[in-house]
mmCIF file of all heavy atoms, coordinates in Angstrom:
data_MODEL
# 
_entry.id   MODEL 
# 
loop_
_atom_site.group_PDB 
_atom_site.id 
_atom_site.type_symbol 
_atom_site.label_atom_id 
_atom_site.label_alt_id 
_atom_site.label_comp_id 
_atom_site.label_asym_id 
_atom_site.label_entity_id 
_atom_site.label_seq_id 
_atom_site.pdbx_PDB_ins_code 
_atom_site.Cartn_x 
_atom_site.Cartn_y 
_atom_site.Cartn_z 
_atom_site.occupancy 
_atom_site.B_iso_or_equiv 
_atom_site.pdbx_formal_charge 
_atom_site.auth_seq_id 
_atom_site.auth_comp_id 
_atom_site.auth_asym_id 
_atom_site.auth_atom_id 
_atom_site.pdbx_PDB_model_num 
ATOM 1   N N   . ASP A 1 1  ? 92.906  137.377 107.914 1.00 0.00 ? 1  ASP A N   1 
ATOM 2   C CA  . ASP A 1 1  ? 94.362  137.517 107.972 1.00 0.00 ? 1  ASP A CA  1 
ATOM 3   C C   . ASP A 1 1  ? 94.970  138.001 106.660 1.00 0.00 ? 1  ASP A C   1 
ATOM 4   O O   . ASP A 1 1  ? 95.937  138.761 106.656 1.00 0.00 ? 1  ASP A O   1 
ATOM 5   C CB  . ASP A 1 1  ? 95.017  136.189 108.353 1.00 0.00 ? 1  ASP A CB  1 
ATOM 6   C CG  . ASP A 1 1  ? 94.726  135.771 109.791 1.00 0.00 ? 1  ASP A CG  1 
ATOM 7   O OD1 . ASP A 1 1  ? 94.208  136.600 110.579 1.00 0.00 ? 1  ASP A OD1 1 
ATOM 8   O OD2 . ASP A 1 1  ? 95.003  134.601 110.128 1.00 0.00 ? 1  ASP A OD2 1 
ATOM 9   N N   . LEU A 1 2  ? 94.420  137.552 105.525 1.00 0.00 ? 2  LEU A N   1 
ATOM 10  C CA  . LEU A 1 2  ? 95.015  137.840 104.218 1.00 0.00 ? 2  LEU A CA  1 
ATOM 11  C C   . LEU A 1 2  ? 94.322  138.969 103.457 1.00 0.00 ? 2  LEU A C   1 
ATOM 12  O O   . LEU A 1 2  ? 94.827  139.429 102.448 1.00 0.00 ? 2  LEU A O   1 
ATOM 13  C CB  . LEU A 1 2  ? 95.045  136.564 103.377 1.00 0.00 ? 2  LEU A CB  1 
ATOM 14  C CG  . LEU A 1 2  ? 95.865  135.427 103.999 1.00 0.00 ? 2  LEU A CG  1 
ATOM 15  C CD1 . LEU A 1 2  ? 95.663  134.129 103.234 1.00 0.00 ? 2  LEU A CD1 1 
ATOM 16  C CD2 . LEU A 1 2  ? 97.341  135.806 104.053 1.00 0.00 ? 2  LEU A CD2 1 
ATOM 17  N N   . GLY A 1 3  ? 93.130  139.376 103.921 1.00 0.00 ? 3  GLY A N   1 
ATOM 18  C CA  . GLY A 1 3  ? 92.448  140.511 103.321 1.00 0.00 ? 3  GLY A CA  1 
ATOM 19  C C   . GLY A 1 3  ? 91.732  140.228 102.005 1.00 0.00 ? 3  GLY A C   1 
ATOM 20  O O   . GLY A 1 3  ? 91.335  141.153 101.313 1.00 0.00 ? 3  GLY A O   1 
ATOM 21  N N   . VAL A 1 4  ? 91.598  138.967 101.654 1.00 0.00 ? 4  VAL A N   1 
ATOM 22  C CA  . VAL A 1 4  ? 90.900  138.548 100.437 1.00 0.00 ? 4  VAL A CA  1 
ATOM 23  C C   . VAL A 1 4  ? 90.097  137.315 100.809 1.00 0.00 ? 4  VAL A C   1 
ATOM 24  O O   . VAL A 1 4  ? 90.510  136.532 101.660 1.00 0.00 ? 4  VAL A O   1 
ATOM 25  C CB  . VAL A 1 4  ? 91.912  138.185 99.316  1.00 0.00 ? 4  VAL A CB  1 
ATOM 26  C CG1 . VAL A 1 4  ? 91.206  137.687 98.069  1.00 0.00 ? 4  VAL A CG1 1 
ATOM 27  C CG2 . VAL A 1 4  ? 92.808  139.365 98.980  1.00 0.00 ? 4  VAL A CG2 1 
ATOM 28  N N   . ASP A 1 5  ? 88.942  137.119 100.162 1.00 0.00 ? 5  ASP A N   1 
ATOM 29  C CA  . ASP A 1 5  ? 88.148  135.920 100.447 1.00 0.00 ? 5  ASP A CA  1 
ATOM 30  C C   . ASP A 1 5  ? 88.936  134.652 100.124 1.00 0.00 ? 5  ASP A C   1 
ATOM 31  O O   . ASP A 1 5  ? 89.458  134.511 99.012  1.00 0.00 ? 5  ASP A O   1 
ATOM 32  C CB  . ASP A 1 5  ? 86.854  135.914 99.619  1.00 0.00 ? 5  ASP A CB  1 
ATOM 33  C CG  . ASP A 1 5  ? 85.828  136.893 100.141 1.00 0.00 ? 5  ASP A CG  1 
ATOM 34  O OD1 . ASP A 1 5  ? 85.865  137.216 101.352 1.00 0.00 ? 5  ASP A OD1 1 
ATOM 35  O OD2 . ASP A 1 5  ? 84.980  137.333 99.355  1.00 0.00 ? 5  ASP A OD2 1 
ATOM 36  N N   . TYR A 1 6  ? 89.006  133.747 101.095 1.00 0.00 ? 6  TYR A N   1 
ATOM 37  C CA  . TYR A 1 6  ? 89.695  132.471 100.926 1.00 0.00 ? 6  TYR A CA  1 
ATOM 38  C C   . TYR A 1 6  ? 88.787  131.333 101.341 1.00 0.00 ? 6  TYR A C   1 
ATOM 39  O O   . TYR A 1 6  ? 87.959  131.483 102.245 1.00 0.00 ? 6  TYR A O   1 
ATOM 40  C CB  . TYR A 1 6  ? 90.980  132.404 101.771 1.00 0.00 ? 6  TYR A CB  1 
ATOM 41  C CG  . TYR A 1 6  ? 92.190  132.894 101.030 1.00 0.00 ? 6  TYR A CG  1 
ATOM 42  C CD1 . TYR A 1 6  ? 92.555  134.232 101.065 1.00 0.00 ? 6  TYR A CD1 1 
ATOM 43  C CD2 . TYR A 1 6  ? 92.966  132.021 100.279 1.00 0.00 ? 6  TYR A CD2 1 
ATOM 44  C CE1 . TYR A 1 6  ? 93.655  134.685 100.377 1.00 0.00 ? 6  TYR A CE1 1 
ATOM 45  C CE2 . TYR A 1 6  ? 94.073  132.467 99.588  1.00 0.00 ? 6  TYR A CE2 1 
ATOM 46  C CZ  . TYR A 1 6  ? 94.421  133.797 99.641  1.00 0.00 ? 6  TYR A CZ  1 
ATOM 47  O OH  . TYR A 1 6  ? 95.510  134.246 98.956  1.00 0.00 ? 6  TYR A OH  1 
ATOM 48  N N   . TRP A 1 7  ? 88.967  130.204 100.673 1.00 0.00 ? 7  TRP A N   1 
ATOM 49  C CA  . TRP A 1 7  ? 88.247  128.980 100.984 1.00 0.00 ? 7  TRP A CA  1 
ATOM 50  C C   . TRP A 1 7  ? 89.252  127.872 101.227 1.00 0.00 ? 7  TRP A C   1 
ATOM 51  O O   . TRP A 1 7  ? 90.373  127.914 100.730 1.00 0.00 ? 7  TRP A O   1 
ATOM 52  C CB  . TRP A 1 7  ? 87.339  128.585 99.815  1.00 0.00 ? 7  TRP A CB  1 
ATOM 53  C CG  . TRP A 1 7  ? 86.151  129.473 99.657  1.00 0.00 ? 7  TRP A CG  1 
ATOM 54  C CD1 . TRP A 1 7  ? 84.893  129.238 100.113 1.00 0.00 ? 7  TRP A CD1 1 
ATOM 55  C CD2 . TRP A 1 7  ? 86.085  130.743 99.016  1.00 0.00 ? 7  TRP A CD2 1 
ATOM 56  N NE1 . TRP A 1 7  ? 84.053  130.281 99.798  1.00 0.00 ? 7  TRP A NE1 1 
ATOM 57  C CE2 . TRP A 1 7  ? 84.760  131.217 99.118  1.00 0.00 ? 7  TRP A CE2 1 
ATOM 58  C CE3 . TRP A 1 7  ? 87.020  131.540 98.359  1.00 0.00 ? 7  TRP A CE3 1 
ATOM 59  C CZ2 . TRP A 1 7  ? 84.363  132.432 98.589  1.00 0.00 ? 7  TRP A CZ2 1 
ATOM 60  C CZ3 . TRP A 1 7  ? 86.622  132.756 97.838  1.00 0.00 ? 7  TRP A CZ3 1 
ATOM 61  C CH2 . TRP A 1 7  ? 85.296  133.182 97.960  1.00 0.00 ? 7  TRP A CH2 1 
ATOM 62  N N   . VAL A 1 8  ? 88.811  126.875 101.985 1.00 0.00 ? 8  VAL A N   1 
ATOM 63  C CA  . VAL A 1 8  ? 89.638  125.707 102.287 1.00 0.00 ? 8  VAL A CA  1 
ATOM 64  C C   . VAL A 1 8  ? 89.063  124.511 101.547 1.00 0.00 ? 8  VAL A C   1 
ATOM 65  O O   . VAL A 1 8  ? 87.848  124.271 101.584 1.00 0.00 ? 8  VAL A O   1 
ATOM 66  C CB  . VAL A 1 8  ? 89.630  125.413 103.812 1.00 0.00 ? 8  VAL A CB  1 
ATOM 67  C CG1 . VAL A 1 8  ? 90.446  124.175 104.130 1.00 0.00 ? 8  VAL A CG1 1 
ATOM 68  C CG2 . VAL A 1 8  ? 90.134  126.618 104.585 1.00 0.00 ? 8  VAL A CG2 1 
ATOM 69  N N   . VAL A 1 9  ? 89.928  123.757 100.867 1.00 0.00 ? 9  VAL A N   1 
ATOM 70  C CA  . VAL A 1 9  ? 89.495  122.528 100.201 1.00 0.00 ? 9  VAL A CA  1 
ATOM 71  C C   . VAL A 1 9  ? 89.086  121.545 101.287 1.00 0.00 ? 9  VAL A C   1 
ATOM 72  O O   . VAL A 1 9  ? 89.858  121.258 102.206 1.00 0.00 ? 9  VAL A O   1 
ATOM 73  C CB  . VAL A 1 9  ? 90.623  121.954 99.314  1.00 0.00 ? 9  VAL A CB  1 
ATOM 74  C CG1 . VAL A 1 9  ? 90.248  120.591 98.760  1.00 0.00 ? 9  VAL A CG1 1 
ATOM 75  C CG2 . VAL A 1 9  ? 90.955  122.925 98.190  1.00 0.00 ? 9  VAL A CG2 1 
ATOM 76  N N   . ASN A 1 10 ? 87.859  121.056 101.215 1.00 0.00 ? 10 ASN A N   1 
ATOM 77  C CA  . ASN A 1 10 ? 87.311  120.178 102.248 1.00 0.00 ? 10 ASN A CA  1 
ATOM 78  C C   . ASN A 1 10 ? 87.441  118.696 101.899 1.00 0.00 ? 10 ASN A C   1 
ATOM 79  O O   . ASN A 1 10 ? 87.229  117.848 102.746 1.00 0.00 ? 10 ASN A O   1 
ATOM 80  C CB  . ASN A 1 10 ? 85.837  120.523 102.497 1.00 0.00 ? 10 ASN A CB  1 
ATOM 81  C CG  . ASN A 1 10 ? 85.310  119.907 103.763 1.00 0.00 ? 10 ASN A CG  1 
ATOM 82  O OD1 . ASN A 1 10 ? 86.001  119.883 104.777 1.00 0.00 ? 10 ASN A OD1 1 
ATOM 83  N ND2 . ASN A 1 10 ? 84.103  119.395 103.729 1.00 0.00 ? 10 ASN A ND2 1 
ATOM 84  N N   . GLN A 1 11 ? 87.765  118.386 100.651 1.00 0.00 ? 11 GLN A N   1 
ATOM 85  C CA  . GLN A 1 11 ? 87.973  116.998 100.247 1.00 0.00 ? 11 GLN A CA  1 
ATOM 86  C C   . GLN A 1 11 ? 89.087  116.970 99.206  1.00 0.00 ? 11 GLN A C   1 
ATOM 87  O O   . GLN A 1 11 ? 89.012  117.674 98.196  1.00 0.00 ? 11 GLN A O   1 
ATOM 88  C CB  . GLN A 1 11 ? 86.703  116.397 99.633  1.00 0.00 ? 11 GLN A CB  1 
ATOM 89  C CG  . GLN A 1 11 ? 86.910  114.996 99.094  1.00 0.00 ? 11 GLN A CG  1 
ATOM 90  C CD  . GLN A 1 11 ? 85.664  114.436 98.433  1.00 0.00 ? 11 GLN A CD  1 
ATOM 91  O OE1 . GLN A 1 11 ? 84.570  114.571 98.959  1.00 0.00 ? 11 GLN A OE1 1 
ATOM 92  N NE2 . GLN A 1 11 ? 85.834  113.811 97.283  1.00 0.00 ? 11 GLN A NE2 1 
ATOM 93  N N   . GLN A 1 12 ? 90.105  116.171 99.477  1.00 0.00 ? 12 GLN A N   1 
ATOM 94  C CA  . GLN A 1 12 ? 91.200  116.013 98.520  1.00 0.00 ? 12 GLN A CA  1 
ATOM 95  C C   . GLN A 1 12 ? 90.651  115.575 97.164  1.00 0.00 ? 12 GLN A C   1 
ATOM 96  O O   . GLN A 1 12 ? 89.699  114.810 97.095  1.00 0.00 ? 12 GLN A O   1 
ATOM 97  C CB  . GLN A 1 12 ? 92.158  114.954 99.049  1.00 0.00 ? 12 GLN A CB  1 
ATOM 98  C CG  . GLN A 1 12 ? 93.268  114.584 98.082  1.00 0.00 ? 12 GLN A CG  1 
ATOM 99  C CD  . GLN A 1 12 ? 94.197  113.557 98.669  1.00 0.00 ? 12 GLN A CD  1 
ATOM 100 O OE1 . GLN A 1 12 ? 94.866  113.844 99.654  1.00 0.00 ? 12 GLN A OE1 1 
ATOM 101 N NE2 . GLN A 1 12 ? 94.244  112.377 98.071  1.00 0.00 ? 12 GLN A NE2 1 
ATOM 102 N N   . PHE A 1 13 ? 91.265  116.080 96.094  1.00 0.00 ? 13 PHE A N   1 
ATOM 103 C CA  . PHE A 1 13 ? 90.908  115.622 94.758  1.00 0.00 ? 13 PHE A CA  1 
ATOM 104 C C   . PHE A 1 13 ? 92.147  115.618 93.875  1.00 0.00 ? 13 PHE A C   1 
ATOM 105 O O   . PHE A 1 13 ? 93.134  116.283 94.164  1.00 0.00 ? 13 PHE A O   1 
ATOM 106 C CB  . PHE A 1 13 ? 89.785  116.469 94.136  1.00 0.00 ? 13 PHE A CB  1 
ATOM 107 C CG  . PHE A 1 13 ? 90.175  117.877 93.778  1.00 0.00 ? 13 PHE A CG  1 
ATOM 108 C CD1 . PHE A 1 13 ? 90.644  118.180 92.506  1.00 0.00 ? 13 PHE A CD1 1 
ATOM 109 C CD2 . PHE A 1 13 ? 90.076  118.904 94.710  1.00 0.00 ? 13 PHE A CD2 1 
ATOM 110 C CE1 . PHE A 1 13 ? 90.991  119.474 92.165  1.00 0.00 ? 13 PHE A CE1 1 
ATOM 111 C CE2 . PHE A 1 13 ? 90.419  120.201 94.382  1.00 0.00 ? 13 PHE A CE2 1 
ATOM 112 C CZ  . PHE A 1 13 ? 90.884  120.486 93.108  1.00 0.00 ? 13 PHE A CZ  1 
ATOM 113 N N   . THR A 1 14 ? 92.076  114.829 92.828  1.00 0.00 ? 14 THR A N   1 
ATOM 114 C CA  . THR A 1 14 ? 93.181  114.711 91.883  1.00 0.00 ? 14 THR A CA  1 
ATOM 115 C C   . THR A 1 14 ? 92.732  115.211 90.521  1.00 0.00 ? 14 THR A C   1 
ATOM 116 O O   . THR A 1 14 ? 91.622  114.933 90.086  1.00 0.00 ? 14 THR A O   1 
ATOM 117 C CB  . THR A 1 14 ? 93.659  113.249 91.789  1.00 0.00 ? 14 THR A CB  1 
ATOM 118 O OG1 . THR A 1 14 ? 94.151  112.853 93.071  1.00 0.00 ? 14 THR A OG1 1 
ATOM 119 C CG2 . THR A 1 14 ? 94.757  113.073 90.753  1.00 0.00 ? 14 THR A CG2 1 
ATOM 120 N N   . CYS A 1 15 ? 93.615  115.920 89.870  1.00 0.00 ? 15 CYS A N   1 
ATOM 121 C CA  . CYS A 1 15 ? 93.388  116.394 88.511  1.00 0.00 ? 15 CYS A CA  1 
ATOM 122 C C   . CYS A 1 15 ? 94.358  115.656 87.593  1.00 0.00 ? 15 CYS A C   1 
ATOM 123 O O   . CYS A 1 15 ? 95.579  115.743 87.771  1.00 0.00 ? 15 CYS A O   1 
ATOM 124 C CB  . CYS A 1 15 ? 93.634  117.900 88.432  1.00 0.00 ? 15 CYS A CB  1 
ATOM 125 S SG  . CYS A 1 15 ? 93.488  118.558 86.752  1.00 0.00 ? 15 CYS A SG  1 
ATOM 126 N N   . ILE A 1 16 ? 93.802  114.911 86.651  1.00 0.00 ? 16 ILE A N   1 
ATOM 127 C CA  . ILE A 1 16 ? 94.616  114.221 85.661  1.00 0.00 ? 16 ILE A CA  1 
ATOM 128 C C   . ILE A 1 16 ? 94.992  115.260 84.605  1.00 0.00 ? 16 ILE A C   1 
ATOM 129 O O   . ILE A 1 16 ? 94.131  115.773 83.890  1.00 0.00 ? 16 ILE A O   1 
ATOM 130 C CB  . ILE A 1 16 ? 93.840  113.069 84.972  1.00 0.00 ? 16 ILE A CB  1 
ATOM 131 C CG1 . ILE A 1 16 ? 93.107  112.189 85.957  1.00 0.00 ? 16 ILE A CG1 1 
ATOM 132 C CG2 . ILE A 1 16 ? 94.752  112.315 84.016  1.00 0.00 ? 16 ILE A CG2 1 
ATOM 133 C CD1 . ILE A 1 16 ? 93.841  111.436 86.951  1.00 0.00 ? 16 ILE A CD1 1 
ATOM 134 N N   . LEU A 1 17 ? 96.269  115.569 84.524  1.00 0.00 ? 17 LEU A N   1 
ATOM 135 C CA  . LEU A 1 17 ? 96.741  116.577 83.577  1.00 0.00 ? 17 LEU A CA  1 
ATOM 136 C C   . LEU A 1 17 ? 96.965  115.980 82.194  1.00 0.00 ? 17 LEU A C   1 
ATOM 137 O O   . LEU A 1 17 ? 96.649  116.589 81.185  1.00 0.00 ? 17 LEU A O   1 
ATOM 138 C CB  . LEU A 1 17 ? 98.028  117.217 84.088  1.00 0.00 ? 17 LEU A CB  1 
ATOM 139 C CG  . LEU A 1 17 ? 97.904  117.904 85.456  1.00 0.00 ? 17 LEU A CG  1 
ATOM 140 C CD1 . LEU A 1 17 ? 99.281  118.238 86.004  1.00 0.00 ? 17 LEU A CD1 1 
ATOM 141 C CD2 . LEU A 1 17 ? 97.035  119.141 85.354  1.00 0.00 ? 17 LEU A CD2 1 
ATOM 142 N N   . ASP A 1 18 ? 97.527  114.778 82.149  1.00 0.00 ? 18 ASP A N   1 
ATOM 143 C CA  . ASP A 1 18 ? 97.757  114.071 80.881  1.00 0.00 ? 18 ASP A CA  1 
ATOM 144 C C   . ASP A 1 18 ? 97.779  112.578 81.193  1.00 0.00 ? 18 ASP A C   1 
ATOM 145 O O   . ASP A 1 18 ? 98.762  112.068 81.737  1.00 0.00 ? 18 ASP A O   1 
ATOM 146 C CB  . ASP A 1 18 ? 99.071  114.515 80.245  1.00 0.00 ? 18 ASP A CB  1 
ATOM 147 C CG  . ASP A 1 18 ? 99.266  113.980 78.835  1.00 0.00 ? 18 ASP A CG  1 
ATOM 148 O OD1 . ASP A 1 18 ? 98.861  112.823 78.568  1.00 0.00 ? 18 ASP A OD1 1 
ATOM 149 O OD2 . ASP A 1 18 ? 99.834  114.714 78.012  1.00 0.00 ? 18 ASP A OD2 1 
ATOM 150 N N   . ALA A 1 19 ? 96.713  111.878 80.849  1.00 0.00 ? 19 ALA A N   1 
ATOM 151 C CA  . ALA A 1 19 ? 96.587  110.459 81.168  1.00 0.00 ? 19 ALA A CA  1 
ATOM 152 C C   . ALA A 1 19 ? 97.638  109.622 80.446  1.00 0.00 ? 19 ALA A C   1 
ATOM 153 O O   . ALA A 1 19 ? 98.196  108.680 81.024  1.00 0.00 ? 19 ALA A O   1 
ATOM 154 C CB  . ALA A 1 19 ? 95.184  109.962 80.823  1.00 0.00 ? 19 ALA A CB  1 
ATOM 155 N N   . GLU A 1 20 ? 97.933  109.960 79.204  1.00 0.00 ? 20 GLU A N   1 
ATOM 156 C CA  . GLU A 1 20 ? 98.912  109.187 78.436  1.00 0.00 ? 20 GLU A CA  1 
ATOM 157 C C   . GLU A 1 20 ? 100.307 109.266 79.050  1.00 0.00 ? 20 GLU A C   1 
ATOM 158 O O   . GLU A 1 20 ? 101.071 108.298 78.997  1.00 0.00 ? 20 GLU A O   1 
ATOM 159 C CB  . GLU A 1 20 ? 98.947  109.672 76.988  1.00 0.00 ? 20 GLU A CB  1 
ATOM 160 C CG  . GLU A 1 20 ? 97.708  109.308 76.201  1.00 0.00 ? 20 GLU A CG  1 
ATOM 161 C CD  . GLU A 1 20 ? 97.764  109.789 74.763  1.00 0.00 ? 20 GLU A CD  1 
ATOM 162 O OE1 . GLU A 1 20 ? 98.853  110.185 74.284  1.00 0.00 ? 20 GLU A OE1 1 
ATOM 163 O OE2 . GLU A 1 20 ? 96.705  109.778 74.116  1.00 0.00 ? 20 GLU A OE2 1 
ATOM 164 N N   . LYS A 1 21 ? 100.645 110.404 79.613  1.00 0.00 ? 21 LYS A N   1 
ATOM 165 C CA  . LYS A 1 21 ? 101.969 110.589 80.230  1.00 0.00 ? 21 LYS A CA  1 
ATOM 166 C C   . LYS A 1 21 ? 101.938 110.314 81.733  1.00 0.00 ? 21 LYS A C   1 
ATOM 167 O O   . LYS A 1 21 ? 102.951 110.480 82.406  1.00 0.00 ? 21 LYS A O   1 
ATOM 168 C CB  . LYS A 1 21 ? 102.476 112.009 79.984  1.00 0.00 ? 21 LYS A CB  1 
ATOM 169 C CG  . LYS A 1 21 ? 102.736 112.306 78.524  1.00 0.00 ? 21 LYS A CG  1 
ATOM 170 C CD  . LYS A 1 21 ? 103.231 113.729 78.366  1.00 0.00 ? 21 LYS A CD  1 
ATOM 171 C CE  . LYS A 1 21 ? 103.482 114.064 76.906  1.00 0.00 ? 21 LYS A CE  1 
ATOM 172 N NZ  . LYS A 1 21 ? 103.922 115.458 76.730  1.00 0.00 ? 21 LYS A NZ  1 
ATOM 173 N N   . ASP A 1 22 ? 100.774 109.902 82.249  1.00 0.00 ? 22 ASP A N   1 
ATOM 174 C CA  . ASP A 1 22 ? 100.593 109.666 83.683  1.00 0.00 ? 22 ASP A CA  1 
ATOM 175 C C   . ASP A 1 22 ? 101.017 110.893 84.501  1.00 0.00 ? 22 ASP A C   1 
ATOM 176 O O   . ASP A 1 22 ? 101.780 110.797 85.450  1.00 0.00 ? 22 ASP A O   1 
ATOM 177 C CB  . ASP A 1 22 ? 101.348 108.418 84.139  1.00 0.00 ? 22 ASP A CB  1 
ATOM 178 C CG  . ASP A 1 22 ? 100.969 107.985 85.556  1.00 0.00 ? 22 ASP A CG  1 
ATOM 179 O OD1 . ASP A 1 22 ? 99.837  108.295 85.989  1.00 0.00 ? 22 ASP A OD1 1 
ATOM 180 O OD2 . ASP A 1 22 ? 101.802 107.360 86.244  1.00 0.00 ? 22 ASP A OD2 1 
ATOM 181 N N   . GLN A 1 23 ? 100.485 112.048 84.102  1.00 0.00 ? 23 GLN A N   1 
ATOM 182 C CA  . GLN A 1 23 ? 100.766 113.294 84.804  1.00 0.00 ? 23 GLN A CA  1 
ATOM 183 C C   . GLN A 1 23 ? 99.509  113.744 85.538  1.00 0.00 ? 23 GLN A C   1 
ATOM 184 O O   . GLN A 1 23 ? 98.430  113.818 84.942  1.00 0.00 ? 23 GLN A O   1 
ATOM 185 C CB  . GLN A 1 23 ? 101.191 114.393 83.828  1.00 0.00 ? 23 GLN A CB  1 
ATOM 186 C CG  . GLN A 1 23 ? 102.511 114.108 83.149  1.00 0.00 ? 23 GLN A CG  1 
ATOM 187 C CD  . GLN A 1 23 ? 102.864 115.167 82.131  1.00 0.00 ? 23 GLN A CD  1 
ATOM 188 O OE1 . GLN A 1 23 ? 102.004 115.800 81.535  1.00 0.00 ? 23 GLN A OE1 1 
ATOM 189 N NE2 . GLN A 1 23 ? 104.157 115.350 81.917  1.00 0.00 ? 23 GLN A NE2 1 
ATOM 190 N N   . PHE A 1 24 ? 99.681  114.018 86.836  1.00 0.00 ? 24 PHE A N   1 
ATOM 191 C CA  . PHE A 1 24 ? 98.548  114.475 87.625  1.00 0.00 ? 24 PHE A CA  1 
ATOM 192 C C   . PHE A 1 24 ? 99.032  115.320 88.789  1.00 0.00 ? 24 PHE A C   1 
ATOM 193 O O   . PHE A 1 24 ? 100.225 115.375 89.089  1.00 0.00 ? 24 PHE A O   1 
ATOM 194 C CB  . PHE A 1 24 ? 97.698  113.295 88.118  1.00 0.00 ? 24 PHE A CB  1 
ATOM 195 C CG  . PHE A 1 24 ? 98.409  112.377 89.075  1.00 0.00 ? 24 PHE A CG  1 
ATOM 196 C CD1 . PHE A 1 24 ? 98.376  112.594 90.443  1.00 0.00 ? 24 PHE A CD1 1 
ATOM 197 C CD2 . PHE A 1 24 ? 99.127  111.282 88.604  1.00 0.00 ? 24 PHE A CD2 1 
ATOM 198 C CE1 . PHE A 1 24 ? 99.034  111.755 91.331  1.00 0.00 ? 24 PHE A CE1 1 
ATOM 199 C CE2 . PHE A 1 24 ? 99.781  110.424 89.480  1.00 0.00 ? 24 PHE A CE2 1 
ATOM 200 C CZ  . PHE A 1 24 ? 99.733  110.665 90.843  1.00 0.00 ? 24 PHE A CZ  1 
ATOM 201 N N   . VAL A 1 25 ? 98.088  115.973 89.444  1.00 0.00 ? 25 VAL A N   1 
ATOM 202 C CA  . VAL A 1 25 ? 98.362  116.731 90.654  1.00 0.00 ? 25 VAL A CA  1 
ATOM 203 C C   . VAL A 1 25 ? 97.217  116.448 91.628  1.00 0.00 ? 25 VAL A C   1 
ATOM 204 O O   . VAL A 1 25 ? 96.059  116.366 91.225  1.00 0.00 ? 25 VAL A O   1 
ATOM 205 C CB  . VAL A 1 25 ? 98.508  118.246 90.371  1.00 0.00 ? 25 VAL A CB  1 
ATOM 206 C CG1 . VAL A 1 25 ? 97.247  118.831 89.782  1.00 0.00 ? 25 VAL A CG1 1 
ATOM 207 C CG2 . VAL A 1 25 ? 98.910  118.999 91.621  1.00 0.00 ? 25 VAL A CG2 1 
ATOM 208 N N   . THR A 1 26 ? 97.558  116.270 92.884  1.00 0.00 ? 26 THR A N   1 
ATOM 209 C CA  . THR A 1 26 ? 96.564  116.029 93.922  1.00 0.00 ? 26 THR A CA  1 
ATOM 210 C C   . THR A 1 26 ? 96.504  117.257 94.822  1.00 0.00 ? 26 THR A C   1 
ATOM 211 O O   . THR A 1 26 ? 97.525  117.686 95.362  1.00 0.00 ? 26 THR A O   1 
ATOM 212 C CB  . THR A 1 26 ? 96.893  114.772 94.736  1.00 0.00 ? 26 THR A CB  1 
ATOM 213 O OG1 . THR A 1 26 ? 96.897  113.649 93.839  1.00 0.00 ? 26 THR A OG1 1 
ATOM 214 C CG2 . THR A 1 26 ? 95.883  114.542 95.846  1.00 0.00 ? 26 THR A CG2 1 
ATOM 215 N N   . ILE A 1 27 ? 95.302  117.801 94.955  1.00 0.00 ? 27 ILE A N   1 
ATOM 216 C CA  . ILE A 1 27 ? 95.088  118.966 95.813  1.00 0.00 ? 27 ILE A CA  1 
ATOM 217 C C   . ILE A 1 27 ? 94.620  118.437 97.165  1.00 0.00 ? 27 ILE A C   1 
ATOM 218 O O   . ILE A 1 27 ? 93.558  117.817 97.262  1.00 0.00 ? 27 ILE A O   1 
ATOM 219 C CB  . ILE A 1 27 ? 94.021  119.914 95.217  1.00 0.00 ? 27 ILE A CB  1 
ATOM 220 C CG1 . ILE A 1 27 ? 94.314  120.221 93.742  1.00 0.00 ? 27 ILE A CG1 1 
ATOM 221 C CG2 . ILE A 1 27 ? 93.918  121.179 96.056  1.00 0.00 ? 27 ILE A CG2 1 
ATOM 222 C CD1 . ILE A 1 27 ? 95.672  120.779 93.426  1.00 0.00 ? 27 ILE A CD1 1 
ATOM 223 N N   . PRO A 1 28 ? 95.402  118.662 98.220  1.00 0.00 ? 28 PRO A N   1 
ATOM 224 C CA  . PRO A 1 28 ? 95.063  118.073 99.516  1.00 0.00 ? 28 PRO A CA  1 
ATOM 225 C C   . PRO A 1 28 ? 93.945  118.808 100.255 1.00 0.00 ? 28 PRO A C   1 
ATOM 226 O O   . PRO A 1 28 ? 93.731  120.014 100.047 1.00 0.00 ? 28 PRO A O   1 
ATOM 227 C CB  . PRO A 1 28 ? 96.375  118.190 100.297 1.00 0.00 ? 28 PRO A CB  1 
ATOM 228 C CG  . PRO A 1 28 ? 97.024  119.416 99.726  1.00 0.00 ? 28 PRO A CG  1 
ATOM 229 C CD  . PRO A 1 28 ? 96.648  119.427 98.262  1.00 0.00 ? 28 PRO A CD  1 
# 
């Protein structure tokens, strides 16, 4: 559909961006 190789995240994961500031992002 998009004309470029794409993958689907198969397991949610979290990336801690800054532990001291409690900043993170969760990729679903």
